[in-house]
Amino acid sequence: MLAATRSSGGRGATPHRPRLGIMKFASCDGCQLTLLDLEDQLLDLVTTFDLVEFAEASSHRSSGPYDLVLVEGSISTPDQLEEIVHIRRQTPLLVTIGACATAGGIQALRNWRDHGSMHDAVYAMPEFVDSLATATPISDHVTVDAELRGCPIDPGQLLELLTALAIGRRPQLPDEAVCLECKRRGTVCVMVARGLPCLGPVTQTGCGALCPAFDRGCYGCFGPREAANATSLASWLTTGGRSEAATAELFSGFTAYAAPFRSAIDELGGPPGPQAPELPRVSGSETDREDHPDARH
């Protein structure tokens, strides 16, 4: 467990500030901005941690080593795949932040499509675009020590994580359904009262049940909770009269490529739109880790 320690020199010596790196891959930077938006706590954070790498906020660069690294974004290019393996070797603690890093993000929807045809349709000169066939979460390639879910992450959870690591205790992060948050807030269930589709029963809380509070179904931004039975919820929704395509679209959001949601989407025939043949696996993925013995920290 990470904790600030006093440097040698006896009583009154200056505490060693843990070296913190914050990095990004394929993402929108929103989760990094969550940290910068912590205006009331930001000064305390930068005096507790030695912020040695954070391109969003500073031109100072560091190649490591680090005591803690927060990583935003999915792995979408060969260079990113090499870089995340290098970063993993430089830190004892690696934490992924946000839906892109923990589940592949919205860009992972292209994993169901033909890679070449997408490039041809989007880019004028696709031959200059070097990308992998899939966009995948960080945990598909290296060991991840903790996750902060969400699109973007919850500032309260971020503070809890950093505070816990700074003082050497285990972070207290929730793993319960959005439905429980609705109960605590006194929010009327939109599924029961209005018949609206909602991913709350299978989604990890963290947003404060924001969408149901405004009379809308949960979009699954924080991804599936532990042991989420997404296929059962999908079956219930289709049995209730919702089409398979509409149900697949419900799961095809920010965290579509998380395993439980991906299974539900596949059972329903894939996300909306033209489907493609099965894509080849990306080197360095979950099944190819043996090819990268140093990738696993």
C-alpha atoms as a PDB file:
ATOM      1  CA  MET A   1       0.000   0.000   0.000  1.00  0.00           C
ATOM      2  CA  LEU A   2       1.265   3.447  -0.908  1.00  0.00           C
ATOM      3  CA  ALA A   3       1.775   5.954   1.915  1.00  0.00           C
ATOM      4  CA  ALA A   4       3.806   9.083   2.434  1.00  0.00           C
ATOM      5  CA  THR A   5       6.918   8.288   4.461  1.00  0.00           C
ATOM      6  CA  ARG A   6       9.436  10.517   6.215  1.00  0.00           C
ATOM      7  CA  SER A   7      12.828  10.841   4.594  1.00  0.00           C
ATOM      8  CA  SER A   8      15.899   9.923   6.619  1.00  0.00           C
ATOM      9  CA  GLY A   9      17.166  12.652   8.869  1.00  0.00           C
ATOM     10  CA  GLY A  10      15.396  12.097  12.145  1.00  0.00           C
ATOM     11  CA  ARG A  11      12.683  14.056  13.860  1.00  0.00           C
ATOM     12  CA  GLY A  12      11.118  16.804  11.782  1.00  0.00           C
ATOM     13  CA  ALA A  13      12.496  15.447   8.496  1.00  0.00           C
ATOM     14  CA  THR A  14      10.533  16.294   5.376  1.00  0.00           C
ATOM     15  CA  PRO A  15       8.015  13.586   4.388  1.00  0.00           C
ATOM     16  CA  HIS A  16       8.669  11.780   1.134  1.00  0.00           C
ATOM     17  CA  ARG A  17       5.909  12.677  -1.276  1.00  0.00           C
ATOM     18  CA  PRO A  18       4.828   9.738  -3.467  1.00  0.00           C
ATOM     19  CA  ARG A  19       5.667  10.319  -7.127  1.00  0.00           C
ATOM     20  CA  LEU A  20       2.377  10.498  -9.055  1.00  0.00           C
ATOM     21  CA  GLY A  21       2.029  10.198 -12.814  1.00  0.00           C
ATOM     22  CA  ILE A  22      -1.229  10.874 -14.669  1.00  0.00           C
ATOM     23  CA  MET A  23      -1.316   9.678 -18.286  1.00  0.00           C
ATOM     24  CA  LYS A  24      -3.770   9.183 -21.112  1.00  0.00           C
ATOM     25  CA  PHE A  25      -4.285   7.086 -24.196  1.00  0.00           C
ATOM     26  CA  ALA A  26      -7.375   7.134 -26.470  1.00  0.00           C
ATOM     27  CA  SER A  27      -9.855   9.301 -24.561  1.00  0.00           C
ATOM     28  CA  CYS A  28     -11.434  12.742 -24.257  1.00  0.00           C
ATOM     29  CA  ASP A  29      -9.421  13.913 -21.181  1.00  0.00           C
ATOM     30  CA  GLY A  30     -12.612  14.329 -19.130  1.00  0.00           C
ATOM     31  CA  CYS A  31     -11.445  12.110 -16.269  1.00  0.00           C
ATOM     32  CA  GLN A  32      -8.171  14.030 -15.945  1.00  0.00           C
ATOM     33  CA  LEU A  33     -10.182  17.247 -15.829  1.00  0.00           C
ATOM     34  CA  THR A  34     -12.112  15.796 -12.890  1.00  0.00           C
ATOM     35  CA  LEU A  35      -8.901  16.025 -10.872  1.00  0.00           C
ATOM     36  CA  LEU A  36      -8.240  19.600 -12.009  1.00  0.00           C
ATOM     37  CA  ASP A  37     -11.810  20.502 -11.049  1.00  0.00           C
ATOM     38  CA  LEU A  38     -11.119  19.606  -7.402  1.00  0.00           C
ATOM     39  CA  GLU A  39     -10.515  23.266  -6.655  1.00  0.00           C
ATOM     40  CA  ASP A  40     -10.955  23.078  -2.877  1.00  0.00           C
ATOM     41  CA  GLN A  41      -8.653  20.058  -2.513  1.00  0.00           C
ATOM     42  CA  LEU A  42      -6.138  20.576  -5.324  1.00  0.00           C
ATOM     43  CA  LEU A  43      -3.506  22.378  -3.242  1.00  0.00           C
ATOM     44  CA  ASP A  44      -3.646  19.651  -0.600  1.00  0.00           C
ATOM     45  CA  LEU A  45      -3.211  16.997  -3.285  1.00  0.00           C
ATOM     46  CA  VAL A  46      -0.153  18.604  -4.869  1.00  0.00           C
ATOM     47  CA  THR A  47       1.471  19.034  -1.450  1.00  0.00           C
ATOM     48  CA  THR A  48       0.757  15.375  -0.588  1.00  0.00           C
ATOM     49  CA  PHE A  49       1.869  13.948  -3.945  1.00  0.00           C
ATOM     50  CA  ASP A  50       4.821  14.889  -6.120  1.00  0.00           C
ATOM     51  CA  LEU A  51       3.002  15.363  -9.435  1.00  0.00           C
ATOM     52  CA  VAL A  52       5.839  14.454 -11.789  1.00  0.00           C
ATOM     53  CA  GLU A  53       3.848  13.663 -14.955  1.00  0.00           C
ATOM     54  CA  PHE A  54       0.553  15.261 -15.958  1.00  0.00           C
ATOM     55  CA  ALA A  55       0.486  16.607 -19.515  1.00  0.00           C
ATOM     56  CA  GLU A  56      -2.987  18.067 -19.007  1.00  0.00           C
ATOM     57  CA  ALA A  57      -1.669  20.454 -16.360  1.00  0.00           C
ATOM     58  CA  SER A  58       2.097  20.788 -16.701  1.00  0.00           C
ATOM     59  CA  SER A  59       4.824  20.840 -19.348  1.00  0.00           C
ATOM     60  CA  HIS A  60       7.130  18.958 -16.951  1.00  0.00           C
ATOM     61  CA  ARG A  61       7.810  15.423 -18.214  1.00  0.00           C
ATOM     62  CA  SER A  62       9.017  12.313 -16.418  1.00  0.00           C
ATOM     63  CA  SER A  63       9.802   8.829 -17.682  1.00  0.00           C
ATOM     64  CA  GLY A  64       9.528   7.330 -14.200  1.00  0.00           C
ATOM     65  CA  PRO A  65       9.809   5.540 -11.954  1.00  0.00           C
ATOM     66  CA  TYR A  66       6.567   6.379 -10.155  1.00  0.00           C
ATOM     67  CA  ASP A  67       4.941   5.372  -6.890  1.00  0.00           C
ATOM     68  CA  LEU A  68       1.463   5.631  -8.395  1.00  0.00           C
ATOM     69  CA  VAL A  69       0.123   6.055 -11.918  1.00  0.00           C
ATOM     70  CA  LEU A  70      -3.418   7.008 -12.943  1.00  0.00           C
ATOM     71  CA  VAL A  71      -4.202   6.065 -16.538  1.00  0.00           C
ATOM     72  CA  GLU A  72      -7.063   7.358 -18.666  1.00  0.00           C
ATOM     73  CA  GLY A  73      -8.017   5.987 -22.085  1.00  0.00           C
ATOM     74  CA  SER A  74      -8.164   2.755 -24.046  1.00  0.00           C
ATOM     75  CA  ILE A  75      -5.375   1.057 -25.977  1.00  0.00           C
ATOM     76  CA  SER A  76      -6.032   1.790 -29.658  1.00  0.00           C
ATOM     77  CA  THR A  77      -2.634   1.924 -31.405  1.00  0.00           C
ATOM     78  CA  PRO A  78       0.522  -0.239 -31.463  1.00  0.00           C
ATOM     79  CA  ASP A  79       2.517   2.590 -29.850  1.00  0.00           C
ATOM     80  CA  GLN A  80       0.039   2.776 -26.979  1.00  0.00           C
ATOM     81  CA  LEU A  81       0.347  -0.961 -26.429  1.00  0.00           C
ATOM     82  CA  GLU A  82       4.125  -0.661 -26.080  1.00  0.00           C
ATOM     83  CA  GLU A  83       3.818   2.385 -23.846  1.00  0.00           C
ATOM     84  CA  ILE A  84       1.400   0.845 -21.338  1.00  0.00           C
ATOM     85  CA  VAL A  85       3.721  -2.141 -20.926  1.00  0.00           C
ATOM     86  CA  HIS A  86       6.595   0.282 -20.249  1.00  0.00           C
ATOM     87  CA  ILE A  87       4.519   2.288 -17.748  1.00  0.00           C
ATOM     88  CA  ARG A  88       3.509  -0.862 -15.884  1.00  0.00           C
ATOM     89  CA  ARG A  89       7.189  -1.662 -15.336  1.00  0.00           C
ATOM     90  CA  GLN A  90       7.778   1.806 -13.868  1.00  0.00           C
ATOM     91  CA  THR A  91       5.221   1.701 -11.036  1.00  0.00           C
ATOM     92  CA  PRO A  92       4.110  -0.623  -8.228  1.00  0.00           C
ATOM     93  CA  LEU A  93       0.557   0.774  -8.378  1.00  0.00           C
ATOM     94  CA  LEU A  94      -1.405   1.377 -11.573  1.00  0.00           C
ATOM     95  CA  VAL A  95      -4.984   2.656 -11.390  1.00  0.00           C
ATOM     96  CA  THR A  96      -7.237   2.997 -14.426  1.00  0.00           C
ATOM     97  CA  ILE A  97      -9.672   5.913 -14.433  1.00  0.00           C
ATOM     98  CA  GLY A  98     -12.819   6.239 -16.514  1.00  0.00           C
ATOM     99  CA  ALA A  99     -14.856   4.128 -18.903  1.00  0.00           C
ATOM    100  CA  CYS A 100     -12.243   4.219 -21.676  1.00  0.00           C
ATOM    101  CA  ALA A 101      -9.487   2.788 -19.476  1.00  0.00           C
ATOM    102  CA  THR A 102     -11.693   0.312 -17.605  1.00  0.00           C
ATOM    103  CA  ALA A 103     -14.001  -0.888 -20.406  1.00  0.00           C
ATOM    104  CA  GLY A 104     -12.670   0.408 -23.719  1.00  0.00           C
ATOM    105  CA  GLY A 105     -14.968   3.435 -23.874  1.00  0.00           C
ATOM    106  CA  ILE A 106     -17.314   4.506 -26.616  1.00  0.00           C
ATOM    107  CA  GLN A 107     -14.545   3.898 -29.183  1.00  0.00           C
ATOM    108  CA  ALA A 108     -14.680   0.169 -28.380  1.00  0.00           C
ATOM    109  CA  LEU A 109     -17.947  -0.013 -30.328  1.00  0.00           C
ATOM    110  CA  ARG A 110     -15.743  -0.260 -33.413  1.00  0.00           C
ATOM    111  CA  ASN A 111     -14.639  -3.681 -32.170  1.00  0.00           C
ATOM    112  CA  TRP A 112     -17.819  -5.088 -33.722  1.00  0.00           C
ATOM    113  CA  ARG A 113     -17.079  -3.467 -37.099  1.00  0.00           C
ATOM    114  CA  ASP A 114     -14.703  -4.117 -39.957  1.00  0.00           C
ATOM    115  CA  HIS A 115     -11.519  -2.211 -39.186  1.00  0.00           C
ATOM    116  CA  GLY A 116     -10.504  -1.417 -42.766  1.00  0.00           C
ATOM    117  CA  SER A 117     -13.887  -0.229 -43.971  1.00  0.00           C
ATOM    118  CA  MET A 118     -14.226   2.137 -41.000  1.00  0.00           C
ATOM    119  CA  HIS A 119     -10.895   3.766 -41.784  1.00  0.00           C
ATOM    120  CA  ASP A 120     -11.816   4.140 -45.445  1.00  0.00           C
ATOM    121  CA  ALA A 121     -15.124   5.784 -44.509  1.00  0.00           C
ATOM    122  CA  VAL A 122     -13.720   8.213 -41.936  1.00  0.00           C
ATOM    123  CA  TYR A 123     -10.239   9.234 -43.117  1.00  0.00           C
ATOM    124  CA  ALA A 124      -9.245  10.788 -46.420  1.00  0.00           C
ATOM    125  CA  MET A 125      -5.868   8.999 -46.305  1.00  0.00           C
ATOM    126  CA  PRO A 126      -6.391   5.925 -44.102  1.00  0.00           C
ATOM    127  CA  GLU A 127      -2.962   4.545 -44.957  1.00  0.00           C
ATOM    128  CA  PHE A 128      -1.463   7.124 -42.597  1.00  0.00           C
ATOM    129  CA  VAL A 129      -3.613   6.019 -39.648  1.00  0.00           C
ATOM    130  CA  ASP A 130      -1.839   3.377 -37.598  1.00  0.00           C
ATOM    131  CA  SER A 131      -4.325   1.768 -35.235  1.00  0.00           C
ATOM    132  CA  LEU A 132      -5.139  -1.632 -33.813  1.00  0.00           C
ATOM    133  CA  ALA A 133      -8.160  -3.588 -34.998  1.00  0.00           C
ATOM    134  CA  THR A 134      -9.792  -3.076 -31.601  1.00  0.00           C
ATOM    135  CA  ALA A 135      -9.893  -0.505 -28.797  1.00  0.00           C
ATOM    136  CA  THR A 136      -9.466  -2.304 -25.501  1.00  0.00           C
ATOM    137  CA  PRO A 137      -9.255  -1.538 -21.753  1.00  0.00           C
ATOM    138  CA  ILE A 138      -5.898  -1.320 -19.999  1.00  0.00           C
ATOM    139  CA  SER A 139      -6.531  -4.545 -18.056  1.00  0.00           C
ATOM    140  CA  ASP A 140      -6.488  -6.533 -21.311  1.00  0.00           C
ATOM    141  CA  HIS A 141      -2.758  -5.865 -21.531  1.00  0.00           C
ATOM    142  CA  VAL A 142      -1.247  -5.348 -18.065  1.00  0.00           C
ATOM    143  CA  THR A 143      -2.146  -5.913 -14.438  1.00  0.00           C
ATOM    144  CA  VAL A 144      -4.349  -3.179 -12.977  1.00  0.00           C
ATOM    145  CA  ASP A 145      -4.335  -2.625  -9.210  1.00  0.00           C
ATOM    146  CA  ALA A 146      -7.560  -0.605  -8.930  1.00  0.00           C
ATOM    147  CA  GLU A 147     -10.260   0.955 -11.106  1.00  0.00           C
ATOM    148  CA  LEU A 148     -12.226   4.165 -10.920  1.00  0.00           C
ATOM    149  CA  ARG A 149     -15.294   3.772 -13.119  1.00  0.00           C
ATOM    150  CA  GLY A 150     -17.456   6.329 -14.847  1.00  0.00           C
ATOM    151  CA  CYS A 151     -17.685   8.686 -17.793  1.00  0.00           C
ATOM    152  CA  PRO A 152     -16.309  10.793 -16.227  1.00  0.00           C
ATOM    153  CA  ILE A 153     -15.150   9.439 -12.882  1.00  0.00           C
ATOM    154  CA  ASP A 154     -16.751  10.594  -9.644  1.00  0.00           C
ATOM    155  CA  PRO A 155     -14.626  13.242  -7.853  1.00  0.00           C
ATOM    156  CA  GLY A 156     -15.567  11.810  -4.463  1.00  0.00           C
ATOM    157  CA  GLN A 157     -14.250   8.384  -5.435  1.00  0.00           C
ATOM    158  CA  LEU A 158     -11.059   9.957  -6.778  1.00  0.00           C
ATOM    159  CA  LEU A 159     -10.468  11.776  -3.493  1.00  0.00           C
ATOM    160  CA  GLU A 160     -11.189   8.594  -1.527  1.00  0.00           C
ATOM    161  CA  LEU A 161      -8.655   6.651  -3.586  1.00  0.00           C
ATOM    162  CA  LEU A 162      -5.880   9.253  -3.289  1.00  0.00           C
ATOM    163  CA  THR A 163      -6.531   9.849   0.413  1.00  0.00           C
ATOM    164  CA  ALA A 164      -6.489   6.137   1.196  1.00  0.00           C
ATOM    165  CA  LEU A 165      -3.283   5.525  -0.735  1.00  0.00           C
ATOM    166  CA  ALA A 166      -1.587   8.551   0.834  1.00  0.00           C
ATOM    167  CA  ILE A 167      -2.206   7.322   4.391  1.00  0.00           C
ATOM    168  CA  GLY A 168      -1.780   3.622   3.686  1.00  0.00           C
ATOM    169  CA  ARG A 169      -5.279   2.172   3.989  1.00  0.00           C
ATOM    170  CA  ARG A 170      -7.504   0.296   1.569  1.00  0.00           C
ATOM    171  CA  PRO A 171      -9.771   2.557  -0.540  1.00  0.00           C
ATOM    172  CA  GLN A 172     -13.470   2.207   0.222  1.00  0.00           C
ATOM    173  CA  LEU A 173     -14.997   2.121  -3.259  1.00  0.00           C
ATOM    174  CA  PRO A 174     -18.624   1.046  -3.806  1.00  0.00           C
ATOM    175  CA  ASP A 175     -19.670  -2.118  -5.588  1.00  0.00           C
ATOM    176  CA  GLU A 176     -23.436  -2.033  -5.555  1.00  0.00           C
ATOM    177  CA  ALA A 177     -26.175  -1.441  -8.090  1.00  0.00           C
ATOM    178  CA  VAL A 178     -27.486   2.005  -9.011  1.00  0.00           C
ATOM    179  CA  CYS A 179     -30.859   0.756  -7.726  1.00  0.00           C
ATOM    180  CA  LEU A 180     -29.609   0.969  -4.134  1.00  0.00           C
ATOM    181  CA  GLU A 181     -28.605   4.583  -4.675  1.00  0.00           C
ATOM    182  CA  CYS A 182     -32.101   5.292  -6.000  1.00  0.00           C
ATOM    183  CA  LYS A 183     -33.580   3.809  -2.820  1.00  0.00           C
ATOM    184  CA  ARG A 184     -31.372   5.959  -0.602  1.00  0.00           C
ATOM    185  CA  ARG A 185     -32.294   9.098  -2.547  1.00  0.00           C
ATOM    186  CA  GLY A 186     -35.987   8.245  -2.504  1.00  0.00           C
ATOM    187  CA  THR A 187     -36.067   8.201  -6.310  1.00  0.00           C
ATOM    188  CA  VAL A 188     -39.074   6.414  -7.773  1.00  0.00           C
ATOM    189  CA  CYS A 189     -38.032   3.459  -9.963  1.00  0.00           C
ATOM    190  CA  VAL A 190     -38.460   4.483 -13.600  1.00  0.00           C
ATOM    191  CA  MET A 191     -38.827   0.843 -14.646  1.00  0.00           C
ATOM    192  CA  VAL A 192     -41.685   0.127 -12.247  1.00  0.00           C
ATOM    193  CA  ALA A 193     -43.459   3.484 -12.374  1.00  0.00           C
ATOM    194  CA  ARG A 194     -43.030   4.370 -16.043  1.00  0.00           C
ATOM    195  CA  GLY A 195     -41.892   1.221 -17.802  1.00  0.00           C
ATOM    196  CA  LEU A 196     -38.663   2.866 -18.968  1.00  0.00           C
ATOM    197  CA  PRO A 197     -35.665   0.659 -19.825  1.00  0.00           C
ATOM    198  CA  CYS A 198     -32.912   1.132 -17.259  1.00  0.00           C
ATOM    199  CA  LEU A 199     -29.494  -0.461 -16.705  1.00  0.00           C
ATOM    200  CA  GLY A 200     -29.536   0.425 -13.000  1.00  0.00           C
ATOM    201  CA  PRO A 201     -29.944  -3.179 -11.766  1.00  0.00           C
ATOM    202  CA  VAL A 202     -26.676  -4.263 -13.429  1.00  0.00           C
ATOM    203  CA  THR A 203     -24.647  -1.017 -13.255  1.00  0.00           C
ATOM    204  CA  GLN A 204     -22.196  -0.071 -10.510  1.00  0.00           C
ATOM    205  CA  THR A 205     -23.173   3.033  -8.621  1.00  0.00           C
ATOM    206  CA  GLY A 206     -20.966   6.106  -8.473  1.00  0.00           C
ATOM    207  CA  CYS A 207     -22.956   8.814 -10.227  1.00  0.00           C
ATOM    208  CA  GLY A 208     -25.477   9.319  -7.432  1.00  0.00           C
ATOM    209  CA  ALA A 209     -28.189   7.752  -9.623  1.00  0.00           C
ATOM    210  CA  LEU A 210     -28.265  10.960 -11.644  1.00  0.00           C
ATOM    211  CA  CYS A 211     -30.358   9.858 -14.631  1.00  0.00           C
ATOM    212  CA  PRO A 212     -33.192   8.176 -12.667  1.00  0.00           C
ATOM    213  CA  ALA A 213     -33.339  11.309 -10.493  1.00  0.00           C
ATOM    214  CA  PHE A 214     -34.299  13.175 -13.672  1.00  0.00           C
ATOM    215  CA  ASP A 215     -36.844  10.537 -14.718  1.00  0.00           C
ATOM    216  CA  ARG A 216     -34.552   8.774 -17.193  1.00  0.00           C
ATOM    217  CA  GLY A 217     -33.195   5.237 -17.275  1.00  0.00           C
ATOM    218  CA  CYS A 218     -29.556   4.527 -16.345  1.00  0.00           C
ATOM    219  CA  TYR A 219     -27.151   4.415 -19.307  1.00  0.00           C
ATOM    220  CA  GLY A 220     -24.563   2.207 -17.595  1.00  0.00           C
ATOM    221  CA  CYS A 221     -21.795   4.853 -17.529  1.00  0.00           C
ATOM    222  CA  PHE A 222     -20.040   3.215 -14.552  1.00  0.00           C
ATOM    223  CA  GLY A 223     -20.095  -0.224 -16.136  1.00  0.00           C
ATOM    224  CA  PRO A 224     -21.349  -3.544 -14.800  1.00  0.00           C
ATOM    225  CA  ARG A 225     -21.226  -4.212 -11.082  1.00  0.00           C
ATOM    226  CA  GLU A 226     -19.657  -7.426  -9.830  1.00  0.00           C
ATOM    227  CA  ALA A 227     -21.616 -10.529 -10.887  1.00  0.00           C
ATOM    228  CA  ALA A 228     -23.970  -8.406 -13.007  1.00  0.00           C
ATOM    229  CA  ASN A 229     -26.439 -10.612 -14.919  1.00  0.00           C
ATOM    230  CA  ALA A 230     -26.781  -8.367 -17.950  1.00  0.00           C
ATOM    231  CA  THR A 231     -28.024 -11.149 -20.229  1.00  0.00           C
ATOM    232  CA  SER A 232     -30.923 -11.807 -17.846  1.00  0.00           C
ATOM    233  CA  LEU A 233     -31.886  -8.131 -17.815  1.00  0.00           C
ATOM    234  CA  ALA A 234     -31.655  -8.045 -21.611  1.00  0.00           C
ATOM    235  CA  SER A 235     -33.903 -11.100 -21.842  1.00  0.00           C
ATOM    236  CA  TRP A 236     -36.438  -9.503 -19.499  1.00  0.00           C
ATOM    237  CA  LEU A 237     -36.471  -6.323 -21.579  1.00  0.00           C
ATOM    238  CA  THR A 238     -37.085  -8.192 -24.830  1.00  0.00           C
ATOM    239  CA  THR A 239     -39.736 -10.395 -23.213  1.00  0.00           C
ATOM    240  CA  GLY A 240     -41.489  -7.199 -22.176  1.00  0.00           C
ATOM    241  CA  GLY A 241     -41.873  -6.181 -25.804  1.00  0.00           C
ATOM    242  CA  ARG A 242     -38.655  -4.283 -26.545  1.00  0.00           C
ATOM    243  CA  SER A 243     -36.962  -5.381 -29.759  1.00  0.00           C
ATOM    244  CA  GLU A 244     -33.582  -7.111 -29.663  1.00  0.00           C
ATOM    245  CA  ALA A 245     -32.007  -4.270 -31.664  1.00  0.00           C
ATOM    246  CA  ALA A 246     -33.368  -1.634 -29.268  1.00  0.00           C
ATOM    247  CA  THR A 247     -32.177  -3.637 -26.268  1.00  0.00           C
ATOM    248  CA  ALA A 248     -28.716  -4.097 -27.799  1.00  0.00           C
ATOM    249  CA  GLU A 249     -28.570  -0.346 -28.372  1.00  0.00           C
ATOM    250  CA  LEU A 250     -29.349   0.233 -24.688  1.00  0.00           C
ATOM    251  CA  PHE A 251     -26.218  -1.696 -23.694  1.00  0.00           C
ATOM    252  CA  SER A 252     -24.105  -0.212 -26.501  1.00  0.00           C
ATOM    253  CA  GLY A 253     -22.870   2.857 -24.667  1.00  0.00           C
ATOM    254  CA  PHE A 254     -19.752   4.013 -22.852  1.00  0.00           C
ATOM    255  CA  THR A 255     -19.086   0.613 -21.288  1.00  0.00           C
ATOM    256  CA  ALA A 256     -20.384  -1.676 -24.030  1.00  0.00           C
ATOM    257  CA  TYR A 257     -17.170  -3.705 -24.235  1.00  0.00           C
ATOM    258  CA  ALA A 258     -17.148  -4.631 -20.535  1.00  0.00           C
ATOM    259  CA  ALA A 259     -17.573  -8.406 -20.453  1.00  0.00           C
ATOM    260  CA  PRO A 260     -21.133  -8.690 -18.998  1.00  0.00           C
ATOM    261  CA  PHE A 261     -22.508  -5.982 -21.303  1.00  0.00           C
ATOM    262  CA  ARG A 262     -20.598  -7.385 -24.271  1.00  0.00           C
ATOM    263  CA  SER A 263     -22.125 -10.807 -23.655  1.00  0.00           C
ATOM    264  CA  ALA A 264     -25.616  -9.314 -23.608  1.00  0.00           C
ATOM    265  CA  ILE A 265     -24.942  -7.403 -26.833  1.00  0.00           C
ATOM    266  CA  ASP A 266     -23.595 -10.520 -28.552  1.00  0.00           C
ATOM    267  CA  GLU A 267     -26.644 -12.541 -27.445  1.00  0.00           C
ATOM    268  CA  LEU A 268     -28.809  -9.890 -29.095  1.00  0.00           C
ATOM    269  CA  GLY A 269     -26.932 -10.026 -32.391  1.00  0.00           C
ATOM    270  CA  GLY A 270     -24.470  -7.198 -31.811  1.00  0.00           C
ATOM    271  CA  PRO A 271     -24.845  -3.424 -31.561  1.00  0.00           C
ATOM    272  CA  PRO A 272     -27.062  -1.565 -34.055  1.00  0.00           C
ATOM    273  CA  GLY A 273     -25.668  -1.174 -37.572  1.00  0.00           C
ATOM    274  CA  PRO A 274     -24.034  -3.473 -40.135  1.00  0.00           C
ATOM    275  CA  GLN A 275     -22.073  -6.294 -38.597  1.00  0.00           C
ATOM    276  CA  ALA A 276     -18.660  -7.561 -39.642  1.00  0.00           C
ATOM    277  CA  PRO A 277     -16.875 -10.948 -39.507  1.00  0.00           C
ATOM    278  CA  GLU A 278     -15.065 -11.759 -36.281  1.00  0.00           C
ATOM    279  CA  LEU A 279     -11.960  -9.615 -35.970  1.00  0.00           C
ATOM    280  CA  PRO A 280      -8.518 -11.040 -35.180  1.00  0.00           C
ATOM    281  CA  ARG A 281      -7.310 -10.824 -31.617  1.00  0.00           C
ATOM    282  CA  VAL A 282      -4.924  -8.014 -30.754  1.00  0.00           C
ATOM    283  CA  SER A 283      -1.440  -9.064 -29.699  1.00  0.00           C
ATOM    284  CA  GLY A 284      -1.129  -8.360 -26.001  1.00  0.00           C
ATOM    285  CA  SER A 285      -4.801  -9.006 -25.248  1.00  0.00           C
ATOM    286  CA  GLU A 286      -6.093 -11.186 -22.418  1.00  0.00           C
ATOM    287  CA  THR A 287      -5.375 -14.409 -24.334  1.00  0.00           C
ATOM    288  CA  ASP A 288      -1.971 -13.282 -25.629  1.00  0.00           C
ATOM    289  CA  ARG A 289      -0.317 -12.219 -22.389  1.00  0.00           C
ATOM    290  CA  GLU A 290       2.040 -15.186 -22.524  1.00  0.00           C
ATOM    291  CA  ASP A 291       3.716 -13.476 -25.483  1.00  0.00           C
ATOM    292  CA  HIS A 292       4.586 -10.541 -23.233  1.00  0.00           C
ATOM    293  CA  PRO A 293       6.046 -12.033 -20.027  1.00  0.00           C
ATOM    294  CA  ASP A 294       7.148  -8.625 -18.767  1.00  0.00           C
ATOM    295  CA  ALA A 295       3.759  -7.022 -19.324  1.00  0.00           C
ATOM    296  CA  ARG A 296       2.314  -8.602 -16.207  1.00  0.00           C
ATOM    297  CA  HIS A 297       3.722  -6.754 -13.203  1.00  0.00           C
END
